[in-house]
Amino acid sequence: MVNIGMAKNKEIKKPELAKMAEYLRAEHLKLICSSGYDMRTDKAFADYLGIKADRLSMYMNAEEGPAIKNAAKIAKKLGPEILSILGYSDMADLVEGQS
């Protein structure tokens, strides 16, 4: 089995950053609608995802992409689509298999 900690990070290009940011904003909005006030802040969303709020802000503003470790954390909560967007598709099975 592949260890996420051993996986290589990739340089993520601007089109993928923009798509990732759009995806994260859409997923955040879905959570706000389904959970109400609990998910309204970016900090609450970051806490839910298990990442730092300043990092999430950078991702949602398409300033930088997550390292594989944070991408895996996001995928565990939101599903493997984020891995596909970022070009980490080969890691999707690994993330889905973790609990």
N, C-alpha and C. Protein backbone atom coordinates (compact mmCIF):
# COMPACT_ATOMS: atom_id res chain seq x y z
N MET A 1 0.84 -1.19 0.00
CA MET A 1 0.00 0.00 0.00
C MET A 1 0.88 1.25 0.00
N VAL A 2 0.49 2.23 -0.75
CA VAL A 2 1.23 3.49 -0.85
C VAL A 2 0.98 4.32 0.40
N ASN A 3 2.02 4.97 0.89
CA ASN A 3 1.92 5.83 2.04
C ASN A 3 1.78 7.27 1.54
N ILE A 4 0.72 7.95 1.96
CA ILE A 4 0.51 9.34 1.52
C ILE A 4 1.70 10.21 1.89
N GLY A 5 2.30 9.96 3.03
CA GLY A 5 3.45 10.75 3.46
C GLY A 5 4.63 10.62 2.52
N MET A 6 4.69 9.53 1.77
CA MET A 6 5.79 9.29 0.84
C MET A 6 5.48 9.80 -0.57
N ALA A 7 4.24 10.16 -0.82
CA ALA A 7 3.84 10.62 -2.16
C ALA A 7 4.49 11.97 -2.45
N LYS A 8 4.78 12.19 -3.72
CA LYS A 8 5.43 13.44 -4.13
C LYS A 8 4.38 14.53 -4.37
N ASN A 9 4.71 15.74 -3.94
CA ASN A 9 3.87 16.89 -4.22
C ASN A 9 4.11 17.31 -5.66
N LYS A 10 3.11 17.94 -6.26
CA LYS A 10 3.20 18.38 -7.64
C LYS A 10 3.12 19.89 -7.71
N GLU A 11 3.67 20.42 -8.78
CA GLU A 11 3.44 21.84 -9.07
C GLU A 11 2.08 21.92 -9.74
N ILE A 12 1.21 22.73 -9.19
CA ILE A 12 -0.15 22.83 -9.70
C ILE A 12 -0.26 24.12 -10.52
N LYS A 13 -0.73 23.99 -11.73
CA LYS A 13 -0.81 25.12 -12.65
C LYS A 13 -2.08 25.96 -12.42
N LYS A 14 -2.07 27.18 -12.94
CA LYS A 14 -3.16 28.13 -12.70
C LYS A 14 -4.55 27.60 -13.06
N PRO A 15 -4.74 26.93 -14.19
CA PRO A 15 -6.09 26.44 -14.49
C PRO A 15 -6.61 25.46 -13.43
N GLU A 16 -5.72 24.60 -12.94
CA GLU A 16 -6.11 23.67 -11.90
C GLU A 16 -6.38 24.39 -10.58
N LEU A 17 -5.57 25.41 -10.28
CA LEU A 17 -5.80 26.20 -9.07
C LEU A 17 -7.17 26.86 -9.11
N ALA A 18 -7.53 27.42 -10.26
CA ALA A 18 -8.83 28.08 -10.40
C ALA A 18 -9.96 27.07 -10.25
N LYS A 19 -9.81 25.92 -10.86
CA LYS A 19 -10.84 24.88 -10.76
C LYS A 19 -10.97 24.38 -9.33
N MET A 20 -9.84 24.21 -8.64
CA MET A 20 -9.84 23.77 -7.25
C MET A 20 -10.55 24.80 -6.37
N ALA A 21 -10.24 26.08 -6.58
CA ALA A 21 -10.86 27.14 -5.79
C ALA A 21 -12.38 27.15 -5.99
N GLU A 22 -12.80 27.01 -7.23
CA GLU A 22 -14.23 26.97 -7.54
C GLU A 22 -14.88 25.76 -6.86
N TYR A 23 -14.23 24.62 -6.93
CA TYR A 23 -14.74 23.40 -6.31
C TYR A 23 -14.88 23.58 -4.80
N LEU A 24 -13.85 24.13 -4.15
CA LEU A 24 -13.90 24.32 -2.70
C LEU A 24 -15.00 25.30 -2.29
N ARG A 25 -15.15 26.37 -3.05
CA ARG A 25 -16.22 27.34 -2.74
C ARG A 25 -17.60 26.68 -2.87
N ALA A 26 -17.78 25.87 -3.91
CA ALA A 26 -19.06 25.18 -4.13
C ALA A 26 -19.33 24.18 -3.01
N GLU A 27 -18.31 23.44 -2.61
CA GLU A 27 -18.48 22.47 -1.53
C GLU A 27 -18.76 23.16 -0.20
N HIS A 28 -18.11 24.29 0.02
CA HIS A 28 -18.35 25.07 1.24
C HIS A 28 -19.81 25.53 1.27
N LEU A 29 -20.29 26.04 0.16
CA LEU A 29 -21.67 26.49 0.07
C LEU A 29 -22.65 25.34 0.33
N LYS A 30 -22.37 24.18 -0.23
CA LYS A 30 -23.23 23.00 0.03
C LYS A 30 -23.29 22.69 1.51
N LEU A 31 -22.14 22.75 2.18
CA LEU A 31 -22.11 22.47 3.62
C LEU A 31 -22.86 23.53 4.42
N ILE A 32 -22.74 24.78 4.01
CA ILE A 32 -23.48 25.85 4.69
C ILE A 32 -24.98 25.58 4.57
N CYS A 33 -25.42 25.22 3.37
CA CYS A 33 -26.84 24.97 3.14
C CYS A 33 -27.34 23.75 3.92
N SER A 34 -26.49 22.74 4.05
CA SER A 34 -26.93 21.52 4.73
C SER A 34 -26.75 21.57 6.24
N SER A 35 -25.78 22.35 6.73
CA SER A 35 -25.53 22.35 8.17
C SER A 35 -25.84 23.69 8.83
N GLY A 36 -26.18 24.67 8.03
CA GLY A 36 -26.54 25.97 8.60
C GLY A 36 -25.35 26.74 9.12
N TYR A 37 -25.55 27.40 10.21
CA TYR A 37 -24.58 28.33 10.75
C TYR A 37 -23.23 27.69 11.06
N ASP A 38 -23.22 26.43 11.43
CA ASP A 38 -21.98 25.77 11.85
C ASP A 38 -20.85 25.86 10.84
N MET A 39 -21.16 25.98 9.56
CA MET A 39 -20.12 25.99 8.53
C MET A 39 -19.97 27.34 7.84
N ARG A 40 -20.52 28.40 8.39
CA ARG A 40 -20.51 29.67 7.69
C ARG A 40 -19.13 30.30 7.54
N THR A 41 -18.25 30.08 8.47
CA THR A 41 -16.94 30.73 8.38
C THR A 41 -15.93 29.83 7.68
N ASP A 42 -14.94 30.46 7.09
CA ASP A 42 -13.85 29.70 6.48
C ASP A 42 -13.11 28.89 7.53
N LYS A 43 -13.00 29.44 8.74
CA LYS A 43 -12.31 28.71 9.82
C LYS A 43 -13.07 27.43 10.16
N ALA A 44 -14.39 27.52 10.25
CA ALA A 44 -15.18 26.32 10.54
C ALA A 44 -15.02 25.28 9.43
N PHE A 45 -14.98 25.75 8.19
CA PHE A 45 -14.78 24.85 7.05
C PHE A 45 -13.39 24.21 7.12
N ALA A 46 -12.39 25.02 7.43
CA ALA A 46 -11.02 24.50 7.55
C ALA A 46 -10.94 23.47 8.68
N ASP A 47 -11.56 23.76 9.81
CA ASP A 47 -11.57 22.81 10.92
C ASP A 47 -12.23 21.50 10.51
N TYR A 48 -13.34 21.61 9.79
CA TYR A 48 -14.03 20.42 9.30
C TYR A 48 -13.11 19.58 8.39
N LEU A 49 -12.36 20.27 7.54
CA LEU A 49 -11.46 19.58 6.61
C LEU A 49 -10.18 19.07 7.29
N GLY A 50 -9.87 19.63 8.47
CA GLY A 50 -8.66 19.22 9.18
C GLY A 50 -7.41 19.92 8.69
N ILE A 51 -7.58 21.13 8.15
CA ILE A 51 -6.43 21.90 7.68
C ILE A 51 -6.46 23.29 8.31
N LYS A 52 -5.35 24.01 8.20
CA LYS A 52 -5.28 25.35 8.78
C LYS A 52 -6.09 26.34 7.94
N ALA A 53 -6.73 27.29 8.63
CA ALA A 53 -7.58 28.27 7.95
C ALA A 53 -6.79 29.12 6.96
N ASP A 54 -5.56 29.48 7.28
CA ASP A 54 -4.78 30.31 6.35
C ASP A 54 -4.47 29.54 5.06
N ARG A 55 -4.25 28.23 5.18
CA ARG A 55 -4.02 27.40 3.99
C ARG A 55 -5.28 27.32 3.15
N LEU A 56 -6.41 27.07 3.81
CA LEU A 56 -7.68 26.99 3.08
C LEU A 56 -7.93 28.29 2.32
N SER A 57 -7.66 29.41 2.96
CA SER A 57 -7.85 30.71 2.30
C SER A 57 -7.01 30.80 1.03
N MET A 58 -5.77 30.33 1.10
CA MET A 58 -4.90 30.35 -0.09
C MET A 58 -5.46 29.45 -1.19
N TYR A 59 -5.99 28.30 -0.80
CA TYR A 59 -6.56 27.36 -1.78
C TYR A 59 -7.82 27.95 -2.41
N MET A 60 -8.68 28.56 -1.58
CA MET A 60 -9.94 29.10 -2.08
C MET A 60 -9.76 30.35 -2.92
N ASN A 61 -8.60 31.00 -2.76
CA ASN A 61 -8.28 32.18 -3.58
C ASN A 61 -7.35 31.83 -4.74
N ALA A 62 -7.14 30.55 -4.96
CA ALA A 62 -6.29 30.05 -6.06
C ALA A 62 -4.88 30.62 -6.01
N GLU A 63 -4.38 30.86 -4.80
CA GLU A 63 -3.02 31.38 -4.64
C GLU A 63 -1.99 30.26 -4.64
N GLU A 64 -2.37 29.10 -4.14
CA GLU A 64 -1.50 27.93 -4.17
C GLU A 64 -2.35 26.69 -3.99
N GLY A 65 -1.78 25.57 -4.38
CA GLY A 65 -2.48 24.31 -4.23
C GLY A 65 -1.97 23.55 -3.03
N PRO A 66 -2.76 22.64 -2.52
CA PRO A 66 -2.35 21.89 -1.34
C PRO A 66 -1.30 20.82 -1.66
N ALA A 67 -0.44 20.57 -0.70
CA ALA A 67 0.45 19.42 -0.78
C ALA A 67 -0.44 18.18 -0.72
N ILE A 68 0.09 17.05 -1.12
CA ILE A 68 -0.69 15.82 -1.18
C ILE A 68 -1.32 15.49 0.18
N LYS A 69 -0.64 15.79 1.27
CA LYS A 69 -1.18 15.50 2.61
C LYS A 69 -2.48 16.26 2.85
N ASN A 70 -2.50 17.56 2.54
CA ASN A 70 -3.72 18.33 2.72
C ASN A 70 -4.77 17.97 1.67
N ALA A 71 -4.34 17.67 0.46
CA ALA A 71 -5.28 17.23 -0.58
C ALA A 71 -5.98 15.96 -0.12
N ALA A 72 -5.24 15.06 0.51
CA ALA A 72 -5.83 13.81 1.01
C ALA A 72 -6.82 14.09 2.13
N LYS A 73 -6.51 15.03 3.01
CA LYS A 73 -7.45 15.40 4.09
C LYS A 73 -8.74 15.94 3.50
N ILE A 74 -8.61 16.81 2.50
CA ILE A 74 -9.79 17.39 1.86
C ILE A 74 -10.60 16.28 1.18
N ALA A 75 -9.92 15.38 0.49
CA ALA A 75 -10.60 14.29 -0.22
C ALA A 75 -11.34 13.37 0.74
N LYS A 76 -10.79 13.15 1.92
CA LYS A 76 -11.46 12.29 2.89
C LYS A 76 -12.80 12.88 3.33
N LYS A 77 -12.90 14.19 3.33
CA LYS A 77 -14.15 14.86 3.75
C LYS A 77 -15.08 15.14 2.58
N LEU A 78 -14.53 15.53 1.43
CA LEU A 78 -15.37 15.98 0.32
C LEU A 78 -15.46 14.98 -0.83
N GLY A 79 -14.59 13.99 -0.83
CA GLY A 79 -14.57 13.02 -1.92
C GLY A 79 -13.35 13.21 -2.79
N PRO A 80 -13.07 12.22 -3.63
CA PRO A 80 -11.82 12.19 -4.40
C PRO A 80 -11.75 13.17 -5.58
N GLU A 81 -12.81 13.88 -5.87
CA GLU A 81 -12.79 14.80 -7.02
C GLU A 81 -11.64 15.81 -6.93
N ILE A 82 -11.34 16.28 -5.72
CA ILE A 82 -10.25 17.25 -5.55
C ILE A 82 -8.92 16.67 -6.03
N LEU A 83 -8.74 15.37 -5.82
CA LEU A 83 -7.49 14.73 -6.25
C LEU A 83 -7.39 14.72 -7.76
N SER A 84 -8.51 14.49 -8.41
CA SER A 84 -8.55 14.52 -9.88
C SER A 84 -8.23 15.91 -10.40
N ILE A 85 -8.84 16.91 -9.80
CA ILE A 85 -8.61 18.29 -10.22
C ILE A 85 -7.13 18.65 -10.13
N LEU A 86 -6.49 18.18 -9.07
CA LEU A 86 -5.09 18.53 -8.82
C LEU A 86 -4.09 17.61 -9.51
N GLY A 87 -4.59 16.58 -10.17
CA GLY A 87 -3.69 15.65 -10.85
C GLY A 87 -3.14 14.56 -9.96
N TYR A 88 -3.78 14.34 -8.83
CA TYR A 88 -3.39 13.27 -7.91
C TYR A 88 -4.34 12.08 -8.04
N SER A 89 -4.89 11.86 -9.20
CA SER A 89 -5.90 10.81 -9.42
C SER A 89 -5.43 9.45 -8.93
N ASP A 90 -4.16 9.17 -9.09
CA ASP A 90 -3.63 7.87 -8.68
C ASP A 90 -3.72 7.65 -7.17
N MET A 91 -3.97 8.70 -6.41
CA MET A 91 -4.08 8.59 -4.96
C MET A 91 -5.53 8.39 -4.50
N ALA A 92 -6.51 8.51 -5.39
CA ALA A 92 -7.91 8.45 -5.00
C ALA A 92 -8.28 7.14 -4.32
N ASP A 93 -7.82 6.00 -4.84
CA ASP A 93 -8.14 4.72 -4.23
C ASP A 93 -7.58 4.62 -2.83
N LEU A 94 -6.39 5.15 -2.63
CA LEU A 94 -5.77 5.11 -1.31
C LEU A 94 -6.59 5.92 -0.30
N VAL A 95 -6.99 7.11 -0.69
CA VAL A 95 -7.76 7.98 0.22
C VAL A 95 -9.10 7.36 0.53
N GLU A 96 -9.77 6.80 -0.49
CA GLU A 96 -11.08 6.19 -0.28
C GLU A 96 -10.98 5.00 0.67
N GLY A 97 -9.85 4.32 0.68
CA GLY A 97 -9.67 3.14 1.52
C GLY A 97 -9.38 3.46 2.98
N GLN A 98 -9.09 4.71 3.29
CA GLN A 98 -8.76 5.10 4.66
C GLN A 98 -10.03 5.49 5.40
N SER A 99 -10.03 5.25 6.70
CA SER A 99 -11.16 5.66 7.53
C SER A 99 -10.70 6.58 8.62
